[in-house]
Amino acid sequence: MSGLRLLACAPTASLRGARFGGDEDLDEGGRKAALALSAFGRGDLWVSSPARASCETAQAVGHSALTEAALADPDFGRWQGLGLDEVALADPAGLQRWLTDPGAVPHGGESLARVRERVGGWLDAMARQRVVVVAHPIVVRAALTHALGLPDERVWSLDVAPLSLTRLMWRAGGWHLHFPPAQ
């Protein structure tokens, strides 16, 4: 039996402002929140998305992490850096399509279905490892959608908060969501 922990990165200004993408440092509140976490996963392999916020979250928790391109944030194309409200005003039909059709790419970037595919491929390759992953909440959503065998459009039914920790266990040839006892 092996385990994989998914740690959503600490908040950044873009994450707090509901902005699409943006490779930025943790904001002061995000850094303080990450530093307040108790260390866990000693002896496990730590892997991070290439995003600065993910790498800084791992460092704040006391670990250096290997970076993995498959865990990168989605490419939001021309929406990169825009707020959700800005996109809703400029491209309401495109935003609606993106929110309801995981294969849609109205922004010219990467579809959510493609994000799930690349993240899921990496996740399955780690099935027999003990790994702690640090990534953006949308990447954690994609990993969970894949691991639980949910349809792509269910990605939005998973609410992943910054600094949330989700544990998956690999056994009997598949991923299982694991809820450890409270401590």
C-alpha atoms as a PDB file:
ATOM      1  CA  MET A   1       0.000   0.000   0.000  1.00  0.00           C
ATOM      2  CA  SER A   2       1.368   3.423  -0.912  1.00  0.00           C
ATOM      3  CA  GLY A   3       0.123   6.921  -0.364  1.00  0.00           C
ATOM      4  CA  LEU A   4       0.089  10.223  -2.090  1.00  0.00           C
ATOM      5  CA  ARG A   5      -0.719  13.478  -0.354  1.00  0.00           C
ATOM      6  CA  LEU A   6      -1.934  16.450  -2.356  1.00  0.00           C
ATOM      7  CA  LEU A   7      -1.185  19.781  -0.709  1.00  0.00           C
ATOM      8  CA  ALA A   8      -2.755  22.770  -2.422  1.00  0.00           C
ATOM      9  CA  CYS A   9      -0.294  25.662  -2.475  1.00  0.00           C
ATOM     10  CA  ALA A  10      -0.671  28.600  -0.115  1.00  0.00           C
ATOM     11  CA  PRO A  11      -2.515  31.697  -1.331  1.00  0.00           C
ATOM     12  CA  THR A  12      -1.115  34.286  -3.692  1.00  0.00           C
ATOM     13  CA  ALA A  13      -2.577  37.632  -4.700  1.00  0.00           C
ATOM     14  CA  SER A  14      -3.887  36.069  -7.944  1.00  0.00           C
ATOM     15  CA  LEU A  15      -5.490  33.156  -6.143  1.00  0.00           C
ATOM     16  CA  ARG A  16      -7.161  35.469  -3.650  1.00  0.00           C
ATOM     17  CA  GLY A  17      -8.305  37.726  -6.503  1.00  0.00           C
ATOM     18  CA  ALA A  18      -9.732  34.866  -8.628  1.00  0.00           C
ATOM     19  CA  ARG A  19      -7.279  35.577 -11.444  1.00  0.00           C
ATOM     20  CA  PHE A  20      -6.414  33.131 -14.203  1.00  0.00           C
ATOM     21  CA  GLY A  21      -2.854  31.906 -13.835  1.00  0.00           C
ATOM     22  CA  GLY A  22       0.130  33.986 -12.928  1.00  0.00           C
ATOM     23  CA  ASP A  23       3.411  32.565 -11.690  1.00  0.00           C
ATOM     24  CA  GLU A  24       3.936  34.641  -8.586  1.00  0.00           C
ATOM     25  CA  ASP A  25       5.348  34.419  -5.099  1.00  0.00           C
ATOM     26  CA  LEU A  26       3.213  33.659  -2.082  1.00  0.00           C
ATOM     27  CA  ASP A  27       1.678  36.769  -0.574  1.00  0.00           C
ATOM     28  CA  GLU A  28       2.448  37.618   3.046  1.00  0.00           C
ATOM     29  CA  GLY A  29      -0.689  35.910   4.352  1.00  0.00           C
ATOM     30  CA  GLY A  30       0.036  32.804   2.287  1.00  0.00           C
ATOM     31  CA  ARG A  31       3.613  32.627   3.524  1.00  0.00           C
ATOM     32  CA  LYS A  32       2.527  32.973   7.164  1.00  0.00           C
ATOM     33  CA  ALA A  33      -0.159  30.319   6.750  1.00  0.00           C
ATOM     34  CA  ALA A  34       2.288  27.881   5.146  1.00  0.00           C
ATOM     35  CA  LEU A  35       4.898  28.495   7.850  1.00  0.00           C
ATOM     36  CA  ALA A  36       2.262  27.716  10.485  1.00  0.00           C
ATOM     37  CA  LEU A  37       1.703  24.212   9.122  1.00  0.00           C
ATOM     38  CA  SER A  38       3.315  21.478  11.133  1.00  0.00           C
ATOM     39  CA  ALA A  39       5.856  19.509   9.132  1.00  0.00           C
ATOM     40  CA  PHE A  40       4.661  16.215   7.769  1.00  0.00           C
ATOM     41  CA  GLY A  41       5.784  13.713   5.184  1.00  0.00           C
ATOM     42  CA  ARG A  42       9.306  13.285   6.491  1.00  0.00           C
ATOM     43  CA  GLY A  43      11.074  10.665   4.441  1.00  0.00           C
ATOM     44  CA  ASP A  44       8.564  10.944   1.620  1.00  0.00           C
ATOM     45  CA  LEU A  45       9.423  12.243  -1.816  1.00  0.00           C
ATOM     46  CA  TRP A  46       8.268  15.851  -2.205  1.00  0.00           C
ATOM     47  CA  VAL A  47       7.270  16.984  -5.688  1.00  0.00           C
ATOM     48  CA  SER A  48       6.039  20.407  -6.693  1.00  0.00           C
ATOM     49  CA  SER A  49       4.517  21.997  -9.727  1.00  0.00           C
ATOM     50  CA  PRO A  50       6.953  24.431 -11.365  1.00  0.00           C
ATOM     51  CA  ALA A  51       4.901  27.389 -10.074  1.00  0.00           C
ATOM     52  CA  ARG A  52       6.733  29.606  -7.590  1.00  0.00           C
ATOM     53  CA  ALA A  53       3.819  29.473  -5.136  1.00  0.00           C
ATOM     54  CA  SER A  54       4.017  25.676  -5.020  1.00  0.00           C
ATOM     55  CA  CYS A  55       7.804  25.606  -4.590  1.00  0.00           C
ATOM     56  CA  GLU A  56       7.614  28.297  -1.880  1.00  0.00           C
ATOM     57  CA  THR A  57       4.852  26.404  -0.068  1.00  0.00           C
ATOM     58  CA  ALA A  58       7.027  23.281   0.095  1.00  0.00           C
ATOM     59  CA  GLN A  59       9.964  25.344   1.353  1.00  0.00           C
ATOM     60  CA  ALA A  60       7.828  27.065   3.997  1.00  0.00           C
ATOM     61  CA  VAL A  61       6.700  23.671   5.296  1.00  0.00           C
ATOM     62  CA  GLY A  62      10.342  22.652   5.540  1.00  0.00           C
ATOM     63  CA  HIS A  63      10.964  20.622   2.397  1.00  0.00           C
ATOM     64  CA  SER A  64      12.769  21.081  -0.856  1.00  0.00           C
ATOM     65  CA  ALA A  65      10.727  19.570  -3.640  1.00  0.00           C
ATOM     66  CA  LEU A  66      11.569  18.245  -7.053  1.00  0.00           C
ATOM     67  CA  THR A  67       9.663  20.125  -9.748  1.00  0.00           C
ATOM     68  CA  GLU A  68       7.449  18.233 -12.175  1.00  0.00           C
ATOM     69  CA  ALA A  69       6.210  19.817 -15.415  1.00  0.00           C
ATOM     70  CA  ALA A  70       3.169  17.522 -15.534  1.00  0.00           C
ATOM     71  CA  LEU A  71       1.864  19.300 -12.414  1.00  0.00           C
ATOM     72  CA  ALA A  72       2.035  22.776 -13.959  1.00  0.00           C
ATOM     73  CA  ASP A  73      -0.871  25.164 -13.739  1.00  0.00           C
ATOM     74  CA  PRO A  74      -3.117  25.212 -16.807  1.00  0.00           C
ATOM     75  CA  ASP A  75      -2.204  27.432 -19.738  1.00  0.00           C
ATOM     76  CA  PHE A  76      -4.966  30.038 -19.710  1.00  0.00           C
ATOM     77  CA  GLY A  77      -3.933  31.582 -23.027  1.00  0.00           C
ATOM     78  CA  ARG A  78      -5.259  35.106 -23.475  1.00  0.00           C
ATOM     79  CA  TRP A  79      -7.053  34.969 -20.106  1.00  0.00           C
ATOM     80  CA  GLN A  80      -3.697  34.724 -18.305  1.00  0.00           C
ATOM     81  CA  GLY A  81      -3.594  37.286 -15.498  1.00  0.00           C
ATOM     82  CA  LEU A  82      -7.208  38.416 -15.936  1.00  0.00           C
ATOM     83  CA  GLY A  83      -9.717  38.275 -13.122  1.00  0.00           C
ATOM     84  CA  LEU A  84     -12.801  36.100 -13.324  1.00  0.00           C
ATOM     85  CA  ASP A  85     -14.959  39.237 -13.372  1.00  0.00           C
ATOM     86  CA  GLU A  86     -12.936  40.700 -16.262  1.00  0.00           C
ATOM     87  CA  VAL A  87     -13.356  37.531 -18.322  1.00  0.00           C
ATOM     88  CA  ALA A  88     -17.065  37.407 -17.460  1.00  0.00           C
ATOM     89  CA  LEU A  89     -17.465  40.900 -18.928  1.00  0.00           C
ATOM     90  CA  ALA A  90     -15.193  40.470 -21.959  1.00  0.00           C
ATOM     91  CA  ASP A  91     -16.071  36.901 -22.951  1.00  0.00           C
ATOM     92  CA  PRO A  92     -19.198  35.683 -21.104  1.00  0.00           C
ATOM     93  CA  ALA A  93     -19.983  32.958 -23.663  1.00  0.00           C
ATOM     94  CA  GLY A  94     -16.376  31.710 -23.588  1.00  0.00           C
ATOM     95  CA  LEU A  95     -16.335  31.642 -19.809  1.00  0.00           C
ATOM     96  CA  GLN A  96     -19.633  29.737 -19.705  1.00  0.00           C
ATOM     97  CA  ARG A  97     -18.269  27.228 -22.233  1.00  0.00           C
ATOM     98  CA  TRP A  98     -15.052  26.792 -20.222  1.00  0.00           C
ATOM     99  CA  LEU A  99     -17.021  26.209 -17.003  1.00  0.00           C
ATOM    100  CA  THR A 100     -19.355  23.635 -18.562  1.00  0.00           C
ATOM    101  CA  ASP A 101     -17.284  21.891 -21.245  1.00  0.00           C
ATOM    102  CA  PRO A 102     -13.948  20.467 -20.008  1.00  0.00           C
ATOM    103  CA  GLY A 103     -12.733  20.157 -23.609  1.00  0.00           C
ATOM    104  CA  ALA A 104     -13.309  23.842 -24.400  1.00  0.00           C
ATOM    105  CA  VAL A 105     -10.416  26.242 -24.964  1.00  0.00           C
ATOM    106  CA  PRO A 106     -12.083  29.629 -25.561  1.00  0.00           C
ATOM    107  CA  HIS A 107      -8.959  31.324 -24.185  1.00  0.00           C
ATOM    108  CA  GLY A 108      -6.695  29.585 -26.705  1.00  0.00           C
ATOM    109  CA  GLY A 109      -4.753  27.786 -23.971  1.00  0.00           C
ATOM    110  CA  GLU A 110      -5.190  24.343 -22.454  1.00  0.00           C
ATOM    111  CA  SER A 111      -8.479  22.566 -21.799  1.00  0.00           C
ATOM    112  CA  LEU A 112      -9.332  21.203 -18.375  1.00  0.00           C
ATOM    113  CA  ALA A 113      -9.636  17.757 -19.969  1.00  0.00           C
ATOM    114  CA  ARG A 114      -6.016  18.069 -21.137  1.00  0.00           C
ATOM    115  CA  VAL A 115      -4.910  19.170 -17.656  1.00  0.00           C
ATOM    116  CA  ARG A 116      -6.601  16.112 -16.162  1.00  0.00           C
ATOM    117  CA  GLU A 117      -4.934  13.878 -18.760  1.00  0.00           C
ATOM    118  CA  ARG A 118      -1.389  15.084 -18.062  1.00  0.00           C
ATOM    119  CA  VAL A 119      -1.836  15.226 -14.273  1.00  0.00           C
ATOM    120  CA  GLY A 120      -3.572  11.826 -14.241  1.00  0.00           C
ATOM    121  CA  GLY A 121      -0.787  10.213 -16.266  1.00  0.00           C
ATOM    122  CA  TRP A 122       1.801  11.439 -13.797  1.00  0.00           C
ATOM    123  CA  LEU A 123      -0.367  10.446 -10.829  1.00  0.00           C
ATOM    124  CA  ASP A 124      -0.721   6.874 -12.093  1.00  0.00           C
ATOM    125  CA  ALA A 125       3.041   6.654 -12.615  1.00  0.00           C
ATOM    126  CA  MET A 126       3.445   7.460  -8.896  1.00  0.00           C
ATOM    127  CA  ALA A 127       1.004   4.740  -7.788  1.00  0.00           C
ATOM    128  CA  ARG A 128       3.525   2.735  -5.815  1.00  0.00           C
ATOM    129  CA  GLN A 129       5.415   5.671  -4.311  1.00  0.00           C
ATOM    130  CA  ARG A 130       5.060   7.662  -1.112  1.00  0.00           C
ATOM    131  CA  VAL A 131       4.821  11.200  -2.420  1.00  0.00           C
ATOM    132  CA  VAL A 132       3.726  14.612  -1.199  1.00  0.00           C
ATOM    133  CA  VAL A 133       2.626  16.819  -4.098  1.00  0.00           C
ATOM    134  CA  VAL A 134       2.342  20.602  -3.850  1.00  0.00           C
ATOM    135  CA  ALA A 135       0.325  22.218  -6.631  1.00  0.00           C
ATOM    136  CA  HIS A 136      -2.277  24.841  -7.440  1.00  0.00           C
ATOM    137  CA  PRO A 137      -5.824  23.952  -6.300  1.00  0.00           C
ATOM    138  CA  ILE A 138      -7.023  23.452  -9.899  1.00  0.00           C
ATOM    139  CA  VAL A 139      -4.259  20.881 -10.454  1.00  0.00           C
ATOM    140  CA  VAL A 140      -5.298  19.099  -7.236  1.00  0.00           C
ATOM    141  CA  ARG A 141      -8.891  19.090  -8.567  1.00  0.00           C
ATOM    142  CA  ALA A 142      -7.690  17.519 -11.818  1.00  0.00           C
ATOM    143  CA  ALA A 143      -5.720  14.857  -9.904  1.00  0.00           C
ATOM    144  CA  LEU A 144      -8.716  13.991  -7.734  1.00  0.00           C
ATOM    145  CA  THR A 145     -11.087  13.891 -10.702  1.00  0.00           C
ATOM    146  CA  HIS A 146      -8.739  11.407 -12.368  1.00  0.00           C
ATOM    147  CA  ALA A 147      -8.059   9.318  -9.254  1.00  0.00           C
ATOM    148  CA  LEU A 148     -11.741   8.956  -8.407  1.00  0.00           C
ATOM    149  CA  GLY A 149     -12.738   8.201 -12.004  1.00  0.00           C
ATOM    150  CA  LEU A 150     -15.112  11.148 -12.146  1.00  0.00           C
ATOM    151  CA  PRO A 151     -16.242  12.568 -15.478  1.00  0.00           C
ATOM    152  CA  ASP A 152     -14.173  15.606 -16.498  1.00  0.00           C
ATOM    153  CA  GLU A 153     -17.103  17.978 -15.981  1.00  0.00           C
ATOM    154  CA  ARG A 154     -17.169  17.060 -12.265  1.00  0.00           C
ATOM    155  CA  VAL A 155     -13.876  18.902 -11.678  1.00  0.00           C
ATOM    156  CA  TRP A 156     -15.899  21.851 -10.346  1.00  0.00           C
ATOM    157  CA  SER A 157     -17.712  19.673  -7.790  1.00  0.00           C
ATOM    158  CA  LEU A 158     -14.442  19.370  -5.852  1.00  0.00           C
ATOM    159  CA  ASP A 159     -13.766  22.435  -3.736  1.00  0.00           C
ATOM    160  CA  VAL A 160     -10.041  22.570  -3.003  1.00  0.00           C
ATOM    161  CA  ALA A 161      -8.945  25.358  -0.681  1.00  0.00           C
ATOM    162  CA  PRO A 162      -5.390  26.709  -0.516  1.00  0.00           C
ATOM    163  CA  LEU A 163      -3.295  24.667   1.929  1.00  0.00           C
ATOM    164  CA  SER A 164      -5.845  21.857   2.005  1.00  0.00           C
ATOM    165  CA  LEU A 165      -4.397  18.371   2.274  1.00  0.00           C
ATOM    166  CA  THR A 166      -5.958  15.378   0.534  1.00  0.00           C
ATOM    167  CA  ARG A 167      -4.667  11.842   0.841  1.00  0.00           C
ATOM    168  CA  LEU A 168      -4.953   9.130  -1.786  1.00  0.00           C
ATOM    169  CA  MET A 169      -3.988   5.509  -1.245  1.00  0.00           C
ATOM    170  CA  TRP A 170      -3.124   3.059  -4.021  1.00  0.00           C
ATOM    171  CA  ARG A 171      -4.311  -0.454  -3.364  1.00  0.00           C
ATOM    172  CA  ALA A 172      -6.039  -3.254  -5.231  1.00  0.00           C
ATOM    173  CA  GLY A 173      -5.144  -1.638  -8.550  1.00  0.00           C
ATOM    174  CA  GLY A 174      -6.783   1.725  -7.965  1.00  0.00           C
ATOM    175  CA  TRP A 175      -6.803   5.001  -6.095  1.00  0.00           C
ATOM    176  CA  HIS A 176      -8.832   5.374  -2.907  1.00  0.00           C
ATOM    177  CA  LEU A 177      -9.610   8.582  -1.080  1.00  0.00           C
ATOM    178  CA  HIS A 178      -8.244   8.234   2.443  1.00  0.00           C
ATOM    179  CA  PHE A 179      -9.561  10.125   5.466  1.00  0.00           C
ATOM    180  CA  PRO A 180      -7.104   9.615   8.334  1.00  0.00           C
ATOM    181  CA  PRO A 181      -8.308   9.996  11.920  1.00  0.00           C
ATOM    182  CA  ALA A 182      -8.212  13.479  13.426  1.00  0.00           C
ATOM    183  CA  GLN A 183      -5.242  14.060  15.693  1.00  0.00           C
END
